[in-house]
Amino acid sequence: MTARIGILTISDRASAGIYEDKSGPAIAGFMQRVLTSPWEPVVRVIADEQDLIERTLIELADEAGCCLVCTTGGTGPARRDVTPEATEAVCAKMMPGFGELMRQESLKYVPTAILSRQTAGIRGRSLIVNLPGKPASIEQCLMAVFPAIPYCIDLIEGPRLETDPALCKAFRPGG
């Protein structure tokens, strides 16, 4: 079974074509390197509008059938940064450990990581993870949390994700 992974860039400027989206391709590149099981990306680039973010998260989870949706952008303290609020609005269960670990990892590189509001949550059979907006930070955060993601997807009855253990070893209890 081919897993579908949503890659959602949330940026007023990228969605308007003012600059090239580099964050979404950074997420896709990580998945291409790390995942050994079949997967396909479902990519969206949208503006920082909470109702639009909510509708797109619902579409990726419920209609497109993505087992994992990685967002990028909109997690800071600026007025238009509403990705965490949209994620919380559409999820039945929040998974705060993801944001805690991503901030802890990011603090190794920049003191402003404490301004980040990344989070994660479960909607049906989809795990939604809010990532930062910079490609280098995306890589650092995904390397930190991805070992737990395949097992989380198992627990919510999604497809089995396999990783290249030389790059990122997925942890599953008992083997």
C-alpha atoms as a PDB file:
ATOM      1  CA  MET A   1       0.000   0.000   0.000  1.00  0.00           C
ATOM      2  CA  THR A   2       1.351   3.408  -0.970  1.00  0.00           C
ATOM      3  CA  ALA A   3       1.228   5.903   1.874  1.00  0.00           C
ATOM      4  CA  ARG A   4       0.061   9.405   1.066  1.00  0.00           C
ATOM      5  CA  ILE A   5       1.906  12.207   2.831  1.00  0.00           C
ATOM      6  CA  GLY A   6       0.541  15.739   2.831  1.00  0.00           C
ATOM      7  CA  ILE A   7       3.059  18.555   2.495  1.00  0.00           C
ATOM      8  CA  LEU A   8       1.402  21.865   3.309  1.00  0.00           C
ATOM      9  CA  THR A   9       3.326  25.119   2.958  1.00  0.00           C
ATOM     10  CA  ILE A  10       1.580  27.984   4.716  1.00  0.00           C
ATOM     11  CA  SER A  11       2.928  31.278   3.441  1.00  0.00           C
ATOM     12  CA  ASP A  12       1.267  34.419   2.125  1.00  0.00           C
ATOM     13  CA  ARG A  13       4.251  35.224  -0.107  1.00  0.00           C
ATOM     14  CA  ALA A  14       4.870  31.714  -1.477  1.00  0.00           C
ATOM     15  CA  SER A  15       1.164  31.211  -2.196  1.00  0.00           C
ATOM     16  CA  ALA A  16       1.114  34.546  -4.077  1.00  0.00           C
ATOM     17  CA  GLY A  17       4.180  33.570  -6.117  1.00  0.00           C
ATOM     18  CA  ILE A  18       6.310  36.347  -4.590  1.00  0.00           C
ATOM     19  CA  TYR A  19       9.011  33.840  -3.731  1.00  0.00           C
ATOM     20  CA  GLU A  20       9.758  30.202  -4.380  1.00  0.00           C
ATOM     21  CA  ASP A  21       8.628  27.693  -1.782  1.00  0.00           C
ATOM     22  CA  LYS A  22      11.737  25.940  -0.480  1.00  0.00           C
ATOM     23  CA  SER A  23      10.160  24.536   2.688  1.00  0.00           C
ATOM     24  CA  GLY A  24       7.732  22.102   1.062  1.00  0.00           C
ATOM     25  CA  PRO A  25      10.489  20.651  -1.164  1.00  0.00           C
ATOM     26  CA  ALA A  26      12.692  20.302   1.959  1.00  0.00           C
ATOM     27  CA  ILE A  27      10.008  18.107   3.561  1.00  0.00           C
ATOM     28  CA  ALA A  28       9.653  16.047   0.369  1.00  0.00           C
ATOM     29  CA  GLY A  29      13.430  15.658   0.138  1.00  0.00           C
ATOM     30  CA  PHE A  30      13.600  14.378   3.711  1.00  0.00           C
ATOM     31  CA  MET A  31      10.866  11.823   3.001  1.00  0.00           C
ATOM     32  CA  GLN A  32      12.590  10.698  -0.213  1.00  0.00           C
ATOM     33  CA  ARG A  33      15.847  10.086   1.656  1.00  0.00           C
ATOM     34  CA  VAL A  34      14.446   8.470   4.791  1.00  0.00           C
ATOM     35  CA  LEU A  35      11.420   6.409   3.727  1.00  0.00           C
ATOM     36  CA  THR A  36      11.985   3.025   2.086  1.00  0.00           C
ATOM     37  CA  SER A  37       8.299   2.079   1.895  1.00  0.00           C
ATOM     38  CA  PRO A  38       6.219   3.381  -1.036  1.00  0.00           C
ATOM     39  CA  TRP A  39       4.773   6.853  -0.570  1.00  0.00           C
ATOM     40  CA  GLU A  40       3.468   9.719  -2.622  1.00  0.00           C
ATOM     41  CA  PRO A  41       3.339  13.428  -1.789  1.00  0.00           C
ATOM     42  CA  VAL A  42       0.156  15.486  -1.804  1.00  0.00           C
ATOM     43  CA  VAL A  43       1.421  19.067  -1.984  1.00  0.00           C
ATOM     44  CA  ARG A  44      -0.421  22.297  -1.229  1.00  0.00           C
ATOM     45  CA  VAL A  45       0.796  25.907  -0.880  1.00  0.00           C
ATOM     46  CA  ILE A  46      -1.690  28.262   0.778  1.00  0.00           C
ATOM     47  CA  ALA A  47      -1.913  31.646   2.498  1.00  0.00           C
ATOM     48  CA  ASP A  48      -1.809  32.245   6.269  1.00  0.00           C
ATOM     49  CA  GLU A  49      -5.580  32.230   6.768  1.00  0.00           C
ATOM     50  CA  GLN A  50      -6.890  30.078   9.617  1.00  0.00           C
ATOM     51  CA  ASP A  51     -10.099  28.954   7.886  1.00  0.00           C
ATOM     52  CA  LEU A  52      -8.146  28.042   4.726  1.00  0.00           C
ATOM     53  CA  ILE A  53      -5.558  26.135   6.771  1.00  0.00           C
ATOM     54  CA  GLU A  54      -8.322  24.237   8.582  1.00  0.00           C
ATOM     55  CA  ARG A  55     -10.116  23.362   5.330  1.00  0.00           C
ATOM     56  CA  THR A  56      -6.867  22.203   3.727  1.00  0.00           C
ATOM     57  CA  LEU A  57      -5.877  20.064   6.725  1.00  0.00           C
ATOM     58  CA  ILE A  58      -9.341  18.450   6.669  1.00  0.00           C
ATOM     59  CA  GLU A  59      -9.071  17.864   2.908  1.00  0.00           C
ATOM     60  CA  LEU A  60      -5.604  16.273   3.192  1.00  0.00           C
ATOM     61  CA  ALA A  61      -6.623  14.043   6.109  1.00  0.00           C
ATOM     62  CA  ASP A  62     -10.202  13.117   5.230  1.00  0.00           C
ATOM     63  CA  GLU A  63     -10.417  13.315   1.438  1.00  0.00           C
ATOM     64  CA  ALA A  64      -6.858  12.761   0.195  1.00  0.00           C
ATOM     65  CA  GLY A  65      -6.275  10.067   2.831  1.00  0.00           C
ATOM     66  CA  CYS A  66      -2.861  11.287   3.984  1.00  0.00           C
ATOM     67  CA  CYS A  67      -1.588   9.276   6.958  1.00  0.00           C
ATOM     68  CA  LEU A  68       0.868  12.083   7.724  1.00  0.00           C
ATOM     69  CA  VAL A  69       0.493  15.792   7.038  1.00  0.00           C
ATOM     70  CA  CYS A  70       3.566  17.957   7.569  1.00  0.00           C
ATOM     71  CA  THR A  71       2.937  21.686   7.628  1.00  0.00           C
ATOM     72  CA  THR A  72       5.600  24.345   7.328  1.00  0.00           C
ATOM     73  CA  GLY A  73       5.224  27.980   8.296  1.00  0.00           C
ATOM     74  CA  GLY A  74       2.955  29.984  10.548  1.00  0.00           C
ATOM     75  CA  THR A  75       4.224  28.722  13.914  1.00  0.00           C
ATOM     76  CA  GLY A  76       5.796  31.906  15.290  1.00  0.00           C
ATOM     77  CA  PRO A  77       4.334  34.697  17.414  1.00  0.00           C
ATOM     78  CA  ALA A  78       3.445  37.052  14.534  1.00  0.00           C
ATOM     79  CA  ARG A  79      -0.187  38.086  14.162  1.00  0.00           C
ATOM     80  CA  ARG A  80      -0.675  36.037  10.967  1.00  0.00           C
ATOM     81  CA  ASP A  81       0.976  32.884  12.407  1.00  0.00           C
ATOM     82  CA  VAL A  82      -2.102  30.729  13.022  1.00  0.00           C
ATOM     83  CA  THR A  83      -1.013  27.224  11.993  1.00  0.00           C
ATOM     84  CA  PRO A  84      -1.095  25.788  15.559  1.00  0.00           C
ATOM     85  CA  GLU A  85      -4.581  27.224  16.126  1.00  0.00           C
ATOM     86  CA  ALA A  86      -5.831  25.677  12.875  1.00  0.00           C
ATOM     87  CA  THR A  87      -4.222  22.344  13.762  1.00  0.00           C
ATOM     88  CA  GLU A  88      -5.826  22.304  17.201  1.00  0.00           C
ATOM     89  CA  ALA A  89      -9.205  23.211  15.696  1.00  0.00           C
ATOM     90  CA  VAL A  90      -9.245  20.144  13.395  1.00  0.00           C
ATOM     91  CA  CYS A  91      -7.598  17.524  15.634  1.00  0.00           C
ATOM     92  CA  ALA A  92      -9.331  15.210  18.101  1.00  0.00           C
ATOM     93  CA  LYS A  93      -6.125  14.553  20.078  1.00  0.00           C
ATOM     94  CA  MET A  94      -3.144  16.829  20.508  1.00  0.00           C
ATOM     95  CA  MET A  95       0.352  15.375  20.689  1.00  0.00           C
ATOM     96  CA  PRO A  96       2.382  18.051  22.522  1.00  0.00           C
ATOM     97  CA  GLY A  97       5.511  15.905  22.775  1.00  0.00           C
ATOM     98  CA  PHE A  98       6.299  16.587  19.129  1.00  0.00           C
ATOM     99  CA  GLY A  99       6.479  20.351  19.654  1.00  0.00           C
ATOM    100  CA  GLU A 100       8.391  19.951  22.907  1.00  0.00           C
ATOM    101  CA  LEU A 101      11.061  17.829  21.221  1.00  0.00           C
ATOM    102  CA  MET A 102      11.300  20.074  18.161  1.00  0.00           C
ATOM    103  CA  ARG A 103      11.842  23.151  20.338  1.00  0.00           C
ATOM    104  CA  GLN A 104      14.421  21.304  22.431  1.00  0.00           C
ATOM    105  CA  GLU A 105      16.296  20.292  19.265  1.00  0.00           C
ATOM    106  CA  SER A 106      16.079  23.777  17.739  1.00  0.00           C
ATOM    107  CA  LEU A 107      17.459  25.367  20.926  1.00  0.00           C
ATOM    108  CA  LYS A 108      20.770  23.663  20.130  1.00  0.00           C
ATOM    109  CA  TYR A 109      21.050  26.011  17.147  1.00  0.00           C
ATOM    110  CA  VAL A 110      19.151  29.238  17.935  1.00  0.00           C
ATOM    111  CA  PRO A 111      17.934  30.866  21.167  1.00  0.00           C
ATOM    112  CA  THR A 112      14.796  32.068  19.373  1.00  0.00           C
ATOM    113  CA  ALA A 113      13.474  28.482  19.236  1.00  0.00           C
ATOM    114  CA  ILE A 114      11.499  29.347  22.363  1.00  0.00           C
ATOM    115  CA  LEU A 115       9.322  31.555  20.126  1.00  0.00           C
ATOM    116  CA  SER A 116       8.209  28.530  18.109  1.00  0.00           C
ATOM    117  CA  ARG A 117       4.721  27.141  18.672  1.00  0.00           C
ATOM    118  CA  GLN A 118       5.039  23.888  16.723  1.00  0.00           C
ATOM    119  CA  THR A 119       2.637  21.177  17.739  1.00  0.00           C
ATOM    120  CA  ALA A 120       1.082  17.976  16.399  1.00  0.00           C
ATOM    121  CA  GLY A 121      -2.262  16.258  16.566  1.00  0.00           C
ATOM    122  CA  ILE A 122      -4.367  13.355  15.386  1.00  0.00           C
ATOM    123  CA  ARG A 123      -7.314  13.714  13.030  1.00  0.00           C
ATOM    124  CA  GLY A 124      -8.871  10.311  12.316  1.00  0.00           C
ATOM    125  CA  ARG A 125      -6.103   8.204  10.775  1.00  0.00           C
ATOM    126  CA  SER A 126      -3.842  11.183  10.121  1.00  0.00           C
ATOM    127  CA  LEU A 127      -0.983  12.607  12.140  1.00  0.00           C
ATOM    128  CA  ILE A 128      -0.544  16.349  11.544  1.00  0.00           C
ATOM    129  CA  VAL A 129       2.867  17.785  12.452  1.00  0.00           C
ATOM    130  CA  ASN A 130       3.636  21.520  12.374  1.00  0.00           C
ATOM    131  CA  LEU A 131       7.230  22.157  11.309  1.00  0.00           C
ATOM    132  CA  PRO A 132       9.215  25.404  11.186  1.00  0.00           C
ATOM    133  CA  GLY A 133       9.589  27.369   7.963  1.00  0.00           C
ATOM    134  CA  LYS A 134      13.322  27.238   7.257  1.00  0.00           C
ATOM    135  CA  PRO A 135      14.650  24.184   5.351  1.00  0.00           C
ATOM    136  CA  ALA A 136      17.589  23.632   7.742  1.00  0.00           C
ATOM    137  CA  SER A 137      15.233  23.774  10.742  1.00  0.00           C
ATOM    138  CA  ILE A 138      12.815  21.382   9.016  1.00  0.00           C
ATOM    139  CA  GLU A 139      15.619  18.828   8.638  1.00  0.00           C
ATOM    140  CA  GLN A 140      16.709  19.213  12.279  1.00  0.00           C
ATOM    141  CA  CYS A 141      13.162  18.888  13.607  1.00  0.00           C
ATOM    142  CA  LEU A 142      12.206  15.948  11.397  1.00  0.00           C
ATOM    143  CA  MET A 143      15.381  14.070  12.380  1.00  0.00           C
ATOM    144  CA  ALA A 144      14.389  14.558  16.024  1.00  0.00           C
ATOM    145  CA  VAL A 145      10.742  13.455  15.811  1.00  0.00           C
ATOM    146  CA  PHE A 146      10.619  11.090  12.848  1.00  0.00           C
ATOM    147  CA  PRO A 147      11.782   7.990  14.786  1.00  0.00           C
ATOM    148  CA  ALA A 148       8.385   8.084  16.580  1.00  0.00           C
ATOM    149  CA  ILE A 149       6.220   8.875  13.559  1.00  0.00           C
ATOM    150  CA  PRO A 150       5.948   5.387  11.971  1.00  0.00           C
ATOM    151  CA  TYR A 151       4.804   3.855  15.268  1.00  0.00           C
ATOM    152  CA  CYS A 152       2.312   6.682  15.802  1.00  0.00           C
ATOM    153  CA  ILE A 153       0.912   5.983  12.315  1.00  0.00           C
ATOM    154  CA  ASP A 154       0.693   2.258  13.268  1.00  0.00           C
ATOM    155  CA  LEU A 155      -1.293   3.154  16.392  1.00  0.00           C
ATOM    156  CA  ILE A 156      -3.838   5.210  14.436  1.00  0.00           C
ATOM    157  CA  GLU A 157      -4.236   2.348  11.933  1.00  0.00           C
ATOM    158  CA  GLY A 158      -2.421   3.987   9.036  1.00  0.00           C
ATOM    159  CA  PRO A 159      -0.100   2.322   6.525  1.00  0.00           C
ATOM    160  CA  ARG A 160       3.214   0.922   7.710  1.00  0.00           C
ATOM    161  CA  LEU A 161       6.045   3.381   7.116  1.00  0.00           C
ATOM    162  CA  GLU A 162       9.541   1.906   6.872  1.00  0.00           C
ATOM    163  CA  THR A 163      12.710   3.962   7.135  1.00  0.00           C
ATOM    164  CA  ASP A 164      16.331   3.516   6.161  1.00  0.00           C
ATOM    165  CA  PRO A 165      17.857   2.765   9.588  1.00  0.00           C
ATOM    166  CA  ALA A 166      21.213   4.188   8.479  1.00  0.00           C
ATOM    167  CA  LEU A 167      19.520   7.591   8.148  1.00  0.00           C
ATOM    168  CA  CYS A 168      16.645   7.503  10.643  1.00  0.00           C
ATOM    169  CA  LYS A 169      15.772   4.437  12.688  1.00  0.00           C
ATOM    170  CA  ALA A 170      12.048   4.136  13.336  1.00  0.00           C
ATOM    171  CA  PHE A 171      11.299   2.962  16.873  1.00  0.00           C
ATOM    172  CA  ARG A 172       8.647   0.327  17.410  1.00  0.00           C
ATOM    173  CA  PRO A 173       8.359  -1.278  20.864  1.00  0.00           C
ATOM    174  CA  GLY A 174       9.214  -4.956  20.962  1.00  0.00           C
ATOM    175  CA  GLY A 175      11.166  -5.001  17.724  1.00  0.00           C
END
